[in-house]
Amino acid sequence: HPDKGTEMCLYELSVDEGYRRRGI
């Protein structure tokens, strides 16, 4: 944006169910 600069939007995060709770 002209008066703010550039920011990053984390649009989507997904971890396969079999790999969850491992810090991925």
PDBML (XML) file of the C-alpha atoms, coordinates in Angstrom:
<?xml version="1.0" encoding="UTF-8" ?>
<PDBx:datablock datablockName="MODEL"
   xmlns:PDBx="http://pdbml.pdb.org/schema/pdbx-v50.xsd"
   xmlns:xsi="http://www.w3.org/2001/XMLSchema-instance"
   xsi:schemaLocation="http://pdbml.pdb.org/schema/pdbx-v50.xsd pdbx-v50.xsd">
   <PDBx:atom_siteCategory>
      <PDBx:atom_site id="1">
         <PDBx:B_iso_or_equiv>0.00</PDBx:B_iso_or_equiv>
         <PDBx:Cartn_x>0.000</PDBx:Cartn_x>
         <PDBx:Cartn_y>0.000</PDBx:Cartn_y>
         <PDBx:Cartn_z>0.000</PDBx:Cartn_z>
         <PDBx:auth_asym_id>A</PDBx:auth_asym_id>
         <PDBx:auth_atom_id>CA</PDBx:auth_atom_id>
         <PDBx:auth_comp_id>HIS</PDBx:auth_comp_id>
         <PDBx:auth_seq_id>1</PDBx:auth_seq_id>
         <PDBx:group_PDB>ATOM</PDBx:group_PDB>
         <PDBx:label_alt_id xsi:nil="true" />
         <PDBx:label_asym_id>A</PDBx:label_asym_id>
         <PDBx:label_atom_id>CA</PDBx:label_atom_id>
         <PDBx:label_comp_id>HIS</PDBx:label_comp_id>
         <PDBx:label_entity_id>1</PDBx:label_entity_id>
         <PDBx:label_seq_id>1</PDBx:label_seq_id>
         <PDBx:occupancy>1.00</PDBx:occupancy>
         <PDBx:pdbx_PDB_model_num>1</PDBx:pdbx_PDB_model_num>
         <PDBx:type_symbol>C</PDBx:type_symbol>
      </PDBx:atom_site>
      <PDBx:atom_site id="2">
         <PDBx:B_iso_or_equiv>0.00</PDBx:B_iso_or_equiv>
         <PDBx:Cartn_x>1.344</PDBx:Cartn_x>
         <PDBx:Cartn_y>3.481</PDBx:Cartn_y>
         <PDBx:Cartn_z>-0.831</PDBx:Cartn_z>
         <PDBx:auth_asym_id>A</PDBx:auth_asym_id>
         <PDBx:auth_atom_id>CA</PDBx:auth_atom_id>
         <PDBx:auth_comp_id>PRO</PDBx:auth_comp_id>
         <PDBx:auth_seq_id>2</PDBx:auth_seq_id>
         <PDBx:group_PDB>ATOM</PDBx:group_PDB>
         <PDBx:label_alt_id xsi:nil="true" />
         <PDBx:label_asym_id>A</PDBx:label_asym_id>
         <PDBx:label_atom_id>CA</PDBx:label_atom_id>
         <PDBx:label_comp_id>PRO</PDBx:label_comp_id>
         <PDBx:label_entity_id>1</PDBx:label_entity_id>
         <PDBx:label_seq_id>2</PDBx:label_seq_id>
         <PDBx:occupancy>1.00</PDBx:occupancy>
         <PDBx:pdbx_PDB_model_num>1</PDBx:pdbx_PDB_model_num>
         <PDBx:type_symbol>C</PDBx:type_symbol>
      </PDBx:atom_site>
      <PDBx:atom_site id="3">
         <PDBx:B_iso_or_equiv>0.00</PDBx:B_iso_or_equiv>
         <PDBx:Cartn_x>1.269</PDBx:Cartn_x>
         <PDBx:Cartn_y>4.735</PDBx:Cartn_y>
         <PDBx:Cartn_z>2.776</PDBx:Cartn_z>
         <PDBx:auth_asym_id>A</PDBx:auth_asym_id>
         <PDBx:auth_atom_id>CA</PDBx:auth_atom_id>
         <PDBx:auth_comp_id>ASP</PDBx:auth_comp_id>
         <PDBx:auth_seq_id>3</PDBx:auth_seq_id>
         <PDBx:group_PDB>ATOM</PDBx:group_PDB>
         <PDBx:label_alt_id xsi:nil="true" />
         <PDBx:label_asym_id>A</PDBx:label_asym_id>
         <PDBx:label_atom_id>CA</PDBx:label_atom_id>
         <PDBx:label_comp_id>ASP</PDBx:label_comp_id>
         <PDBx:label_entity_id>1</PDBx:label_entity_id>
         <PDBx:label_seq_id>3</PDBx:label_seq_id>
         <PDBx:occupancy>1.00</PDBx:occupancy>
         <PDBx:pdbx_PDB_model_num>1</PDBx:pdbx_PDB_model_num>
         <PDBx:type_symbol>C</PDBx:type_symbol>
      </PDBx:atom_site>
      <PDBx:atom_site id="4">
         <PDBx:B_iso_or_equiv>0.00</PDBx:B_iso_or_equiv>
         <PDBx:Cartn_x>2.189</PDBx:Cartn_x>
         <PDBx:Cartn_y>1.534</PDBx:Cartn_y>
         <PDBx:Cartn_z>4.601</PDBx:Cartn_z>
         <PDBx:auth_asym_id>A</PDBx:auth_asym_id>
         <PDBx:auth_atom_id>CA</PDBx:auth_atom_id>
         <PDBx:auth_comp_id>LYS</PDBx:auth_comp_id>
         <PDBx:auth_seq_id>4</PDBx:auth_seq_id>
         <PDBx:group_PDB>ATOM</PDBx:group_PDB>
         <PDBx:label_alt_id xsi:nil="true" />
         <PDBx:label_asym_id>A</PDBx:label_asym_id>
         <PDBx:label_atom_id>CA</PDBx:label_atom_id>
         <PDBx:label_comp_id>LYS</PDBx:label_comp_id>
         <PDBx:label_entity_id>1</PDBx:label_entity_id>
         <PDBx:label_seq_id>4</PDBx:label_seq_id>
         <PDBx:occupancy>1.00</PDBx:occupancy>
         <PDBx:pdbx_PDB_model_num>1</PDBx:pdbx_PDB_model_num>
         <PDBx:type_symbol>C</PDBx:type_symbol>
      </PDBx:atom_site>
      <PDBx:atom_site id="5">
         <PDBx:B_iso_or_equiv>0.00</PDBx:B_iso_or_equiv>
         <PDBx:Cartn_x>4.745</PDBx:Cartn_x>
         <PDBx:Cartn_y>-0.357</PDBx:Cartn_y>
         <PDBx:Cartn_z>2.542</PDBx:Cartn_z>
         <PDBx:auth_asym_id>A</PDBx:auth_asym_id>
         <PDBx:auth_atom_id>CA</PDBx:auth_atom_id>
         <PDBx:auth_comp_id>GLY</PDBx:auth_comp_id>
         <PDBx:auth_seq_id>5</PDBx:auth_seq_id>
         <PDBx:group_PDB>ATOM</PDBx:group_PDB>
         <PDBx:label_alt_id xsi:nil="true" />
         <PDBx:label_asym_id>A</PDBx:label_asym_id>
         <PDBx:label_atom_id>CA</PDBx:label_atom_id>
         <PDBx:label_comp_id>GLY</PDBx:label_comp_id>
         <PDBx:label_entity_id>1</PDBx:label_entity_id>
         <PDBx:label_seq_id>5</PDBx:label_seq_id>
         <PDBx:occupancy>1.00</PDBx:occupancy>
         <PDBx:pdbx_PDB_model_num>1</PDBx:pdbx_PDB_model_num>
         <PDBx:type_symbol>C</PDBx:type_symbol>
      </PDBx:atom_site>
      <PDBx:atom_site id="6">
         <PDBx:B_iso_or_equiv>0.00</PDBx:B_iso_or_equiv>
         <PDBx:Cartn_x>4.531</PDBx:Cartn_x>
         <PDBx:Cartn_y>-4.116</PDBx:Cartn_y>
         <PDBx:Cartn_z>2.119</PDBx:Cartn_z>
         <PDBx:auth_asym_id>A</PDBx:auth_asym_id>
         <PDBx:auth_atom_id>CA</PDBx:auth_atom_id>
         <PDBx:auth_comp_id>THR</PDBx:auth_comp_id>
         <PDBx:auth_seq_id>6</PDBx:auth_seq_id>
         <PDBx:group_PDB>ATOM</PDBx:group_PDB>
         <PDBx:label_alt_id xsi:nil="true" />
         <PDBx:label_asym_id>A</PDBx:label_asym_id>
         <PDBx:label_atom_id>CA</PDBx:label_atom_id>
         <PDBx:label_comp_id>THR</PDBx:label_comp_id>
         <PDBx:label_entity_id>1</PDBx:label_entity_id>
         <PDBx:label_seq_id>6</PDBx:label_seq_id>
         <PDBx:occupancy>1.00</PDBx:occupancy>
         <PDBx:pdbx_PDB_model_num>1</PDBx:pdbx_PDB_model_num>
         <PDBx:type_symbol>C</PDBx:type_symbol>
      </PDBx:atom_site>
      <PDBx:atom_site id="7">
         <PDBx:B_iso_or_equiv>0.00</PDBx:B_iso_or_equiv>
         <PDBx:Cartn_x>3.359</PDBx:Cartn_x>
         <PDBx:Cartn_y>-6.725</PDBx:Cartn_y>
         <PDBx:Cartn_z>4.588</PDBx:Cartn_z>
         <PDBx:auth_asym_id>A</PDBx:auth_asym_id>
         <PDBx:auth_atom_id>CA</PDBx:auth_atom_id>
         <PDBx:auth_comp_id>GLU</PDBx:auth_comp_id>
         <PDBx:auth_seq_id>7</PDBx:auth_seq_id>
         <PDBx:group_PDB>ATOM</PDBx:group_PDB>
         <PDBx:label_alt_id xsi:nil="true" />
         <PDBx:label_asym_id>A</PDBx:label_asym_id>
         <PDBx:label_atom_id>CA</PDBx:label_atom_id>
         <PDBx:label_comp_id>GLU</PDBx:label_comp_id>
         <PDBx:label_entity_id>1</PDBx:label_entity_id>
         <PDBx:label_seq_id>7</PDBx:label_seq_id>
         <PDBx:occupancy>1.00</PDBx:occupancy>
         <PDBx:pdbx_PDB_model_num>1</PDBx:pdbx_PDB_model_num>
         <PDBx:type_symbol>C</PDBx:type_symbol>
      </PDBx:atom_site>
      <PDBx:atom_site id="8">
         <PDBx:B_iso_or_equiv>0.00</PDBx:B_iso_or_equiv>
         <PDBx:Cartn_x>2.991</PDBx:Cartn_x>
         <PDBx:Cartn_y>-10.480</PDBx:Cartn_y>
         <PDBx:Cartn_z>4.291</PDBx:Cartn_z>
         <PDBx:auth_asym_id>A</PDBx:auth_asym_id>
         <PDBx:auth_atom_id>CA</PDBx:auth_atom_id>
         <PDBx:auth_comp_id>MET</PDBx:auth_comp_id>
         <PDBx:auth_seq_id>8</PDBx:auth_seq_id>
         <PDBx:group_PDB>ATOM</PDBx:group_PDB>
         <PDBx:label_alt_id xsi:nil="true" />
         <PDBx:label_asym_id>A</PDBx:label_asym_id>
         <PDBx:label_atom_id>CA</PDBx:label_atom_id>
         <PDBx:label_comp_id>MET</PDBx:label_comp_id>
         <PDBx:label_entity_id>1</PDBx:label_entity_id>
         <PDBx:label_seq_id>8</PDBx:label_seq_id>
         <PDBx:occupancy>1.00</PDBx:occupancy>
         <PDBx:pdbx_PDB_model_num>1</PDBx:pdbx_PDB_model_num>
         <PDBx:type_symbol>C</PDBx:type_symbol>
      </PDBx:atom_site>
      <PDBx:atom_site id="9">
         <PDBx:B_iso_or_equiv>0.00</PDBx:B_iso_or_equiv>
         <PDBx:Cartn_x>-0.370</PDBx:Cartn_x>
         <PDBx:Cartn_y>-12.159</PDBx:Cartn_y>
         <PDBx:Cartn_z>4.697</PDBx:Cartn_z>
         <PDBx:auth_asym_id>A</PDBx:auth_asym_id>
         <PDBx:auth_atom_id>CA</PDBx:auth_atom_id>
         <PDBx:auth_comp_id>CYS</PDBx:auth_comp_id>
         <PDBx:auth_seq_id>9</PDBx:auth_seq_id>
         <PDBx:group_PDB>ATOM</PDBx:group_PDB>
         <PDBx:label_alt_id xsi:nil="true" />
         <PDBx:label_asym_id>A</PDBx:label_asym_id>
         <PDBx:label_atom_id>CA</PDBx:label_atom_id>
         <PDBx:label_comp_id>CYS</PDBx:label_comp_id>
         <PDBx:label_entity_id>1</PDBx:label_entity_id>
         <PDBx:label_seq_id>9</PDBx:label_seq_id>
         <PDBx:occupancy>1.00</PDBx:occupancy>
         <PDBx:pdbx_PDB_model_num>1</PDBx:pdbx_PDB_model_num>
         <PDBx:type_symbol>C</PDBx:type_symbol>
      </PDBx:atom_site>
      <PDBx:atom_site id="10">
         <PDBx:B_iso_or_equiv>0.00</PDBx:B_iso_or_equiv>
         <PDBx:Cartn_x>-0.103</PDBx:Cartn_x>
         <PDBx:Cartn_y>-15.758</PDBx:Cartn_y>
         <PDBx:Cartn_z>5.854</PDBx:Cartn_z>
         <PDBx:auth_asym_id>A</PDBx:auth_asym_id>
         <PDBx:auth_atom_id>CA</PDBx:auth_atom_id>
         <PDBx:auth_comp_id>LEU</PDBx:auth_comp_id>
         <PDBx:auth_seq_id>10</PDBx:auth_seq_id>
         <PDBx:group_PDB>ATOM</PDBx:group_PDB>
         <PDBx:label_alt_id xsi:nil="true" />
         <PDBx:label_asym_id>A</PDBx:label_asym_id>
         <PDBx:label_atom_id>CA</PDBx:label_atom_id>
         <PDBx:label_comp_id>LEU</PDBx:label_comp_id>
         <PDBx:label_entity_id>1</PDBx:label_entity_id>
         <PDBx:label_seq_id>10</PDBx:label_seq_id>
         <PDBx:occupancy>1.00</PDBx:occupancy>
         <PDBx:pdbx_PDB_model_num>1</PDBx:pdbx_PDB_model_num>
         <PDBx:type_symbol>C</PDBx:type_symbol>
      </PDBx:atom_site>
      <PDBx:atom_site id="11">
         <PDBx:B_iso_or_equiv>0.00</PDBx:B_iso_or_equiv>
         <PDBx:Cartn_x>-2.867</PDBx:Cartn_x>
         <PDBx:Cartn_y>-16.968</PDBx:Cartn_y>
         <PDBx:Cartn_z>3.584</PDBx:Cartn_z>
         <PDBx:auth_asym_id>A</PDBx:auth_asym_id>
         <PDBx:auth_atom_id>CA</PDBx:auth_atom_id>
         <PDBx:auth_comp_id>TYR</PDBx:auth_comp_id>
         <PDBx:auth_seq_id>11</PDBx:auth_seq_id>
         <PDBx:group_PDB>ATOM</PDBx:group_PDB>
         <PDBx:label_alt_id xsi:nil="true" />
         <PDBx:label_asym_id>A</PDBx:label_asym_id>
         <PDBx:label_atom_id>CA</PDBx:label_atom_id>
         <PDBx:label_comp_id>TYR</PDBx:label_comp_id>
         <PDBx:label_entity_id>1</PDBx:label_entity_id>
         <PDBx:label_seq_id>11</PDBx:label_seq_id>
         <PDBx:occupancy>1.00</PDBx:occupancy>
         <PDBx:pdbx_PDB_model_num>1</PDBx:pdbx_PDB_model_num>
         <PDBx:type_symbol>C</PDBx:type_symbol>
      </PDBx:atom_site>
      <PDBx:atom_site id="12">
         <PDBx:B_iso_or_equiv>0.00</PDBx:B_iso_or_equiv>
         <PDBx:Cartn_x>-3.051</PDBx:Cartn_x>
         <PDBx:Cartn_y>-20.643</PDBx:Cartn_y>
         <PDBx:Cartn_z>4.506</PDBx:Cartn_z>
         <PDBx:auth_asym_id>A</PDBx:auth_asym_id>
         <PDBx:auth_atom_id>CA</PDBx:auth_atom_id>
         <PDBx:auth_comp_id>GLU</PDBx:auth_comp_id>
         <PDBx:auth_seq_id>12</PDBx:auth_seq_id>
         <PDBx:group_PDB>ATOM</PDBx:group_PDB>
         <PDBx:label_alt_id xsi:nil="true" />
         <PDBx:label_asym_id>A</PDBx:label_asym_id>
         <PDBx:label_atom_id>CA</PDBx:label_atom_id>
         <PDBx:label_comp_id>GLU</PDBx:label_comp_id>
         <PDBx:label_entity_id>1</PDBx:label_entity_id>
         <PDBx:label_seq_id>12</PDBx:label_seq_id>
         <PDBx:occupancy>1.00</PDBx:occupancy>
         <PDBx:pdbx_PDB_model_num>1</PDBx:pdbx_PDB_model_num>
         <PDBx:type_symbol>C</PDBx:type_symbol>
      </PDBx:atom_site>
      <PDBx:atom_site id="13">
         <PDBx:B_iso_or_equiv>0.00</PDBx:B_iso_or_equiv>
         <PDBx:Cartn_x>-1.243</PDBx:Cartn_x>
         <PDBx:Cartn_y>-23.161</PDBx:Cartn_y>
         <PDBx:Cartn_z>6.684</PDBx:Cartn_z>
         <PDBx:auth_asym_id>A</PDBx:auth_asym_id>
         <PDBx:auth_atom_id>CA</PDBx:auth_atom_id>
         <PDBx:auth_comp_id>LEU</PDBx:auth_comp_id>
         <PDBx:auth_seq_id>13</PDBx:auth_seq_id>
         <PDBx:group_PDB>ATOM</PDBx:group_PDB>
         <PDBx:label_alt_id xsi:nil="true" />
         <PDBx:label_asym_id>A</PDBx:label_asym_id>
         <PDBx:label_atom_id>CA</PDBx:label_atom_id>
         <PDBx:label_comp_id>LEU</PDBx:label_comp_id>
         <PDBx:label_entity_id>1</PDBx:label_entity_id>
         <PDBx:label_seq_id>13</PDBx:label_seq_id>
         <PDBx:occupancy>1.00</PDBx:occupancy>
         <PDBx:pdbx_PDB_model_num>1</PDBx:pdbx_PDB_model_num>
         <PDBx:type_symbol>C</PDBx:type_symbol>
      </PDBx:atom_site>
      <PDBx:atom_site id="14">
         <PDBx:B_iso_or_equiv>0.00</PDBx:B_iso_or_equiv>
         <PDBx:Cartn_x>-1.823</PDBx:Cartn_x>
         <PDBx:Cartn_y>-26.898</PDBx:Cartn_y>
         <PDBx:Cartn_z>6.503</PDBx:Cartn_z>
         <PDBx:auth_asym_id>A</PDBx:auth_asym_id>
         <PDBx:auth_atom_id>CA</PDBx:auth_atom_id>
         <PDBx:auth_comp_id>SER</PDBx:auth_comp_id>
         <PDBx:auth_seq_id>14</PDBx:auth_seq_id>
         <PDBx:group_PDB>ATOM</PDBx:group_PDB>
         <PDBx:label_alt_id xsi:nil="true" />
         <PDBx:label_asym_id>A</PDBx:label_asym_id>
         <PDBx:label_atom_id>CA</PDBx:label_atom_id>
         <PDBx:label_comp_id>SER</PDBx:label_comp_id>
         <PDBx:label_entity_id>1</PDBx:label_entity_id>
         <PDBx:label_seq_id>14</PDBx:label_seq_id>
         <PDBx:occupancy>1.00</PDBx:occupancy>
         <PDBx:pdbx_PDB_model_num>1</PDBx:pdbx_PDB_model_num>
         <PDBx:type_symbol>C</PDBx:type_symbol>
      </PDBx:atom_site>
      <PDBx:atom_site id="15">
         <PDBx:B_iso_or_equiv>0.00</PDBx:B_iso_or_equiv>
         <PDBx:Cartn_x>-0.110</PDBx:Cartn_x>
         <PDBx:Cartn_y>-29.907</PDBx:Cartn_y>
         <PDBx:Cartn_z>8.043</PDBx:Cartn_z>
         <PDBx:auth_asym_id>A</PDBx:auth_asym_id>
         <PDBx:auth_atom_id>CA</PDBx:auth_atom_id>
         <PDBx:auth_comp_id>VAL</PDBx:auth_comp_id>
         <PDBx:auth_seq_id>15</PDBx:auth_seq_id>
         <PDBx:group_PDB>ATOM</PDBx:group_PDB>
         <PDBx:label_alt_id xsi:nil="true" />
         <PDBx:label_asym_id>A</PDBx:label_asym_id>
         <PDBx:label_atom_id>CA</PDBx:label_atom_id>
         <PDBx:label_comp_id>VAL</PDBx:label_comp_id>
         <PDBx:label_entity_id>1</PDBx:label_entity_id>
         <PDBx:label_seq_id>15</PDBx:label_seq_id>
         <PDBx:occupancy>1.00</PDBx:occupancy>
         <PDBx:pdbx_PDB_model_num>1</PDBx:pdbx_PDB_model_num>
         <PDBx:type_symbol>C</PDBx:type_symbol>
      </PDBx:atom_site>
      <PDBx:atom_site id="16">
         <PDBx:B_iso_or_equiv>0.00</PDBx:B_iso_or_equiv>
         <PDBx:Cartn_x>-1.093</PDBx:Cartn_x>
         <PDBx:Cartn_y>-33.437</PDBx:Cartn_y>
         <PDBx:Cartn_z>7.077</PDBx:Cartn_z>
         <PDBx:auth_asym_id>A</PDBx:auth_asym_id>
         <PDBx:auth_atom_id>CA</PDBx:auth_atom_id>
         <PDBx:auth_comp_id>ASP</PDBx:auth_comp_id>
         <PDBx:auth_seq_id>16</PDBx:auth_seq_id>
         <PDBx:group_PDB>ATOM</PDBx:group_PDB>
         <PDBx:label_alt_id xsi:nil="true" />
         <PDBx:label_asym_id>A</PDBx:label_asym_id>
         <PDBx:label_atom_id>CA</PDBx:label_atom_id>
         <PDBx:label_comp_id>ASP</PDBx:label_comp_id>
         <PDBx:label_entity_id>1</PDBx:label_entity_id>
         <PDBx:label_seq_id>16</PDBx:label_seq_id>
         <PDBx:occupancy>1.00</PDBx:occupancy>
         <PDBx:pdbx_PDB_model_num>1</PDBx:pdbx_PDB_model_num>
         <PDBx:type_symbol>C</PDBx:type_symbol>
      </PDBx:atom_site>
      <PDBx:atom_site id="17">
         <PDBx:B_iso_or_equiv>0.00</PDBx:B_iso_or_equiv>
         <PDBx:Cartn_x>-2.878</PDBx:Cartn_x>
         <PDBx:Cartn_y>-35.126</PDBx:Cartn_y>
         <PDBx:Cartn_z>9.957</PDBx:Cartn_z>
         <PDBx:auth_asym_id>A</PDBx:auth_asym_id>
         <PDBx:auth_atom_id>CA</PDBx:auth_atom_id>
         <PDBx:auth_comp_id>GLU</PDBx:auth_comp_id>
         <PDBx:auth_seq_id>17</PDBx:auth_seq_id>
         <PDBx:group_PDB>ATOM</PDBx:group_PDB>
         <PDBx:label_alt_id xsi:nil="true" />
         <PDBx:label_asym_id>A</PDBx:label_asym_id>
         <PDBx:label_atom_id>CA</PDBx:label_atom_id>
         <PDBx:label_comp_id>GLU</PDBx:label_comp_id>
         <PDBx:label_entity_id>1</PDBx:label_entity_id>
         <PDBx:label_seq_id>17</PDBx:label_seq_id>
         <PDBx:occupancy>1.00</PDBx:occupancy>
         <PDBx:pdbx_PDB_model_num>1</PDBx:pdbx_PDB_model_num>
         <PDBx:type_symbol>C</PDBx:type_symbol>
      </PDBx:atom_site>
      <PDBx:atom_site id="18">
         <PDBx:B_iso_or_equiv>0.00</PDBx:B_iso_or_equiv>
         <PDBx:Cartn_x>-0.225</PDBx:Cartn_x>
         <PDBx:Cartn_y>-37.835</PDBx:Cartn_y>
         <PDBx:Cartn_z>10.233</PDBx:Cartn_z>
         <PDBx:auth_asym_id>A</PDBx:auth_asym_id>
         <PDBx:auth_atom_id>CA</PDBx:auth_atom_id>
         <PDBx:auth_comp_id>GLY</PDBx:auth_comp_id>
         <PDBx:auth_seq_id>18</PDBx:auth_seq_id>
         <PDBx:group_PDB>ATOM</PDBx:group_PDB>
         <PDBx:label_alt_id xsi:nil="true" />
         <PDBx:label_asym_id>A</PDBx:label_asym_id>
         <PDBx:label_atom_id>CA</PDBx:label_atom_id>
         <PDBx:label_comp_id>GLY</PDBx:label_comp_id>
         <PDBx:label_entity_id>1</PDBx:label_entity_id>
         <PDBx:label_seq_id>18</PDBx:label_seq_id>
         <PDBx:occupancy>1.00</PDBx:occupancy>
         <PDBx:pdbx_PDB_model_num>1</PDBx:pdbx_PDB_model_num>
         <PDBx:type_symbol>C</PDBx:type_symbol>
      </PDBx:atom_site>
      <PDBx:atom_site id="19">
         <PDBx:B_iso_or_equiv>0.00</PDBx:B_iso_or_equiv>
         <PDBx:Cartn_x>2.505</PDBx:Cartn_x>
         <PDBx:Cartn_y>-35.219</PDBx:Cartn_y>
         <PDBx:Cartn_z>10.775</PDBx:Cartn_z>
         <PDBx:auth_asym_id>A</PDBx:auth_asym_id>
         <PDBx:auth_atom_id>CA</PDBx:auth_atom_id>
         <PDBx:auth_comp_id>TYR</PDBx:auth_comp_id>
         <PDBx:auth_seq_id>19</PDBx:auth_seq_id>
         <PDBx:group_PDB>ATOM</PDBx:group_PDB>
         <PDBx:label_alt_id xsi:nil="true" />
         <PDBx:label_asym_id>A</PDBx:label_asym_id>
         <PDBx:label_atom_id>CA</PDBx:label_atom_id>
         <PDBx:label_comp_id>TYR</PDBx:label_comp_id>
         <PDBx:label_entity_id>1</PDBx:label_entity_id>
         <PDBx:label_seq_id>19</PDBx:label_seq_id>
         <PDBx:occupancy>1.00</PDBx:occupancy>
         <PDBx:pdbx_PDB_model_num>1</PDBx:pdbx_PDB_model_num>
         <PDBx:type_symbol>C</PDBx:type_symbol>
      </PDBx:atom_site>
      <PDBx:atom_site id="20">
         <PDBx:B_iso_or_equiv>0.00</PDBx:B_iso_or_equiv>
         <PDBx:Cartn_x>0.796</PDBx:Cartn_x>
         <PDBx:Cartn_y>-32.922</PDBx:Cartn_y>
         <PDBx:Cartn_z>13.273</PDBx:Cartn_z>
         <PDBx:auth_asym_id>A</PDBx:auth_asym_id>
         <PDBx:auth_atom_id>CA</PDBx:auth_atom_id>
         <PDBx:auth_comp_id>ARG</PDBx:auth_comp_id>
         <PDBx:auth_seq_id>20</PDBx:auth_seq_id>
         <PDBx:group_PDB>ATOM</PDBx:group_PDB>
         <PDBx:label_alt_id xsi:nil="true" />
         <PDBx:label_asym_id>A</PDBx:label_asym_id>
         <PDBx:label_atom_id>CA</PDBx:label_atom_id>
         <PDBx:label_comp_id>ARG</PDBx:label_comp_id>
         <PDBx:label_entity_id>1</PDBx:label_entity_id>
         <PDBx:label_seq_id>20</PDBx:label_seq_id>
         <PDBx:occupancy>1.00</PDBx:occupancy>
         <PDBx:pdbx_PDB_model_num>1</PDBx:pdbx_PDB_model_num>
         <PDBx:type_symbol>C</PDBx:type_symbol>
      </PDBx:atom_site>
      <PDBx:atom_site id="21">
         <PDBx:B_iso_or_equiv>0.00</PDBx:B_iso_or_equiv>
         <PDBx:Cartn_x>2.179</PDBx:Cartn_x>
         <PDBx:Cartn_y>-32.054</PDBx:Cartn_y>
         <PDBx:Cartn_z>16.720</PDBx:Cartn_z>
         <PDBx:auth_asym_id>A</PDBx:auth_asym_id>
         <PDBx:auth_atom_id>CA</PDBx:auth_atom_id>
         <PDBx:auth_comp_id>ARG</PDBx:auth_comp_id>
         <PDBx:auth_seq_id>21</PDBx:auth_seq_id>
         <PDBx:group_PDB>ATOM</PDBx:group_PDB>
         <PDBx:label_alt_id xsi:nil="true" />
         <PDBx:label_asym_id>A</PDBx:label_asym_id>
         <PDBx:label_atom_id>CA</PDBx:label_atom_id>
         <PDBx:label_comp_id>ARG</PDBx:label_comp_id>
         <PDBx:label_entity_id>1</PDBx:label_entity_id>
         <PDBx:label_seq_id>21</PDBx:label_seq_id>
         <PDBx:occupancy>1.00</PDBx:occupancy>
         <PDBx:pdbx_PDB_model_num>1</PDBx:pdbx_PDB_model_num>
         <PDBx:type_symbol>C</PDBx:type_symbol>
      </PDBx:atom_site>
      <PDBx:atom_site id="22">
         <PDBx:B_iso_or_equiv>0.00</PDBx:B_iso_or_equiv>
         <PDBx:Cartn_x>5.782</PDBx:Cartn_x>
         <PDBx:Cartn_y>-32.248</PDBx:Cartn_y>
         <PDBx:Cartn_z>15.488</PDBx:Cartn_z>
         <PDBx:auth_asym_id>A</PDBx:auth_asym_id>
         <PDBx:auth_atom_id>CA</PDBx:auth_atom_id>
         <PDBx:auth_comp_id>ARG</PDBx:auth_comp_id>
         <PDBx:auth_seq_id>22</PDBx:auth_seq_id>
         <PDBx:group_PDB>ATOM</PDBx:group_PDB>
         <PDBx:label_alt_id xsi:nil="true" />
         <PDBx:label_asym_id>A</PDBx:label_asym_id>
         <PDBx:label_atom_id>CA</PDBx:label_atom_id>
         <PDBx:label_comp_id>ARG</PDBx:label_comp_id>
         <PDBx:label_entity_id>1</PDBx:label_entity_id>
         <PDBx:label_seq_id>22</PDBx:label_seq_id>
         <PDBx:occupancy>1.00</PDBx:occupancy>
         <PDBx:pdbx_PDB_model_num>1</PDBx:pdbx_PDB_model_num>
         <PDBx:type_symbol>C</PDBx:type_symbol>
      </PDBx:atom_site>
      <PDBx:atom_site id="23">
         <PDBx:B_iso_or_equiv>0.00</PDBx:B_iso_or_equiv>
         <PDBx:Cartn_x>6.439</PDBx:Cartn_x>
         <PDBx:Cartn_y>-28.508</PDBx:Cartn_y>
         <PDBx:Cartn_z>15.108</PDBx:Cartn_z>
         <PDBx:auth_asym_id>A</PDBx:auth_asym_id>
         <PDBx:auth_atom_id>CA</PDBx:auth_atom_id>
         <PDBx:auth_comp_id>GLY</PDBx:auth_comp_id>
         <PDBx:auth_seq_id>23</PDBx:auth_seq_id>
         <PDBx:group_PDB>ATOM</PDBx:group_PDB>
         <PDBx:label_alt_id xsi:nil="true" />
         <PDBx:label_asym_id>A</PDBx:label_asym_id>
         <PDBx:label_atom_id>CA</PDBx:label_atom_id>
         <PDBx:label_comp_id>GLY</PDBx:label_comp_id>
         <PDBx:label_entity_id>1</PDBx:label_entity_id>
         <PDBx:label_seq_id>23</PDBx:label_seq_id>
         <PDBx:occupancy>1.00</PDBx:occupancy>
         <PDBx:pdbx_PDB_model_num>1</PDBx:pdbx_PDB_model_num>
         <PDBx:type_symbol>C</PDBx:type_symbol>
      </PDBx:atom_site>
      <PDBx:atom_site id="24">
         <PDBx:B_iso_or_equiv>0.00</PDBx:B_iso_or_equiv>
         <PDBx:Cartn_x>5.970</PDBx:Cartn_x>
         <PDBx:Cartn_y>-28.475</PDBx:Cartn_y>
         <PDBx:Cartn_z>11.338</PDBx:Cartn_z>
         <PDBx:auth_asym_id>A</PDBx:auth_asym_id>
         <PDBx:auth_atom_id>CA</PDBx:auth_atom_id>
         <PDBx:auth_comp_id>ILE</PDBx:auth_comp_id>
         <PDBx:auth_seq_id>24</PDBx:auth_seq_id>
         <PDBx:group_PDB>ATOM</PDBx:group_PDB>
         <PDBx:label_alt_id xsi:nil="true" />
         <PDBx:label_asym_id>A</PDBx:label_asym_id>
         <PDBx:label_atom_id>CA</PDBx:label_atom_id>
         <PDBx:label_comp_id>ILE</PDBx:label_comp_id>
         <PDBx:label_entity_id>1</PDBx:label_entity_id>
         <PDBx:label_seq_id>24</PDBx:label_seq_id>
         <PDBx:occupancy>1.00</PDBx:occupancy>
         <PDBx:pdbx_PDB_model_num>1</PDBx:pdbx_PDB_model_num>
         <PDBx:type_symbol>C</PDBx:type_symbol>
      </PDBx:atom_site>
   </PDBx:atom_siteCategory>
</PDBx:datablock>
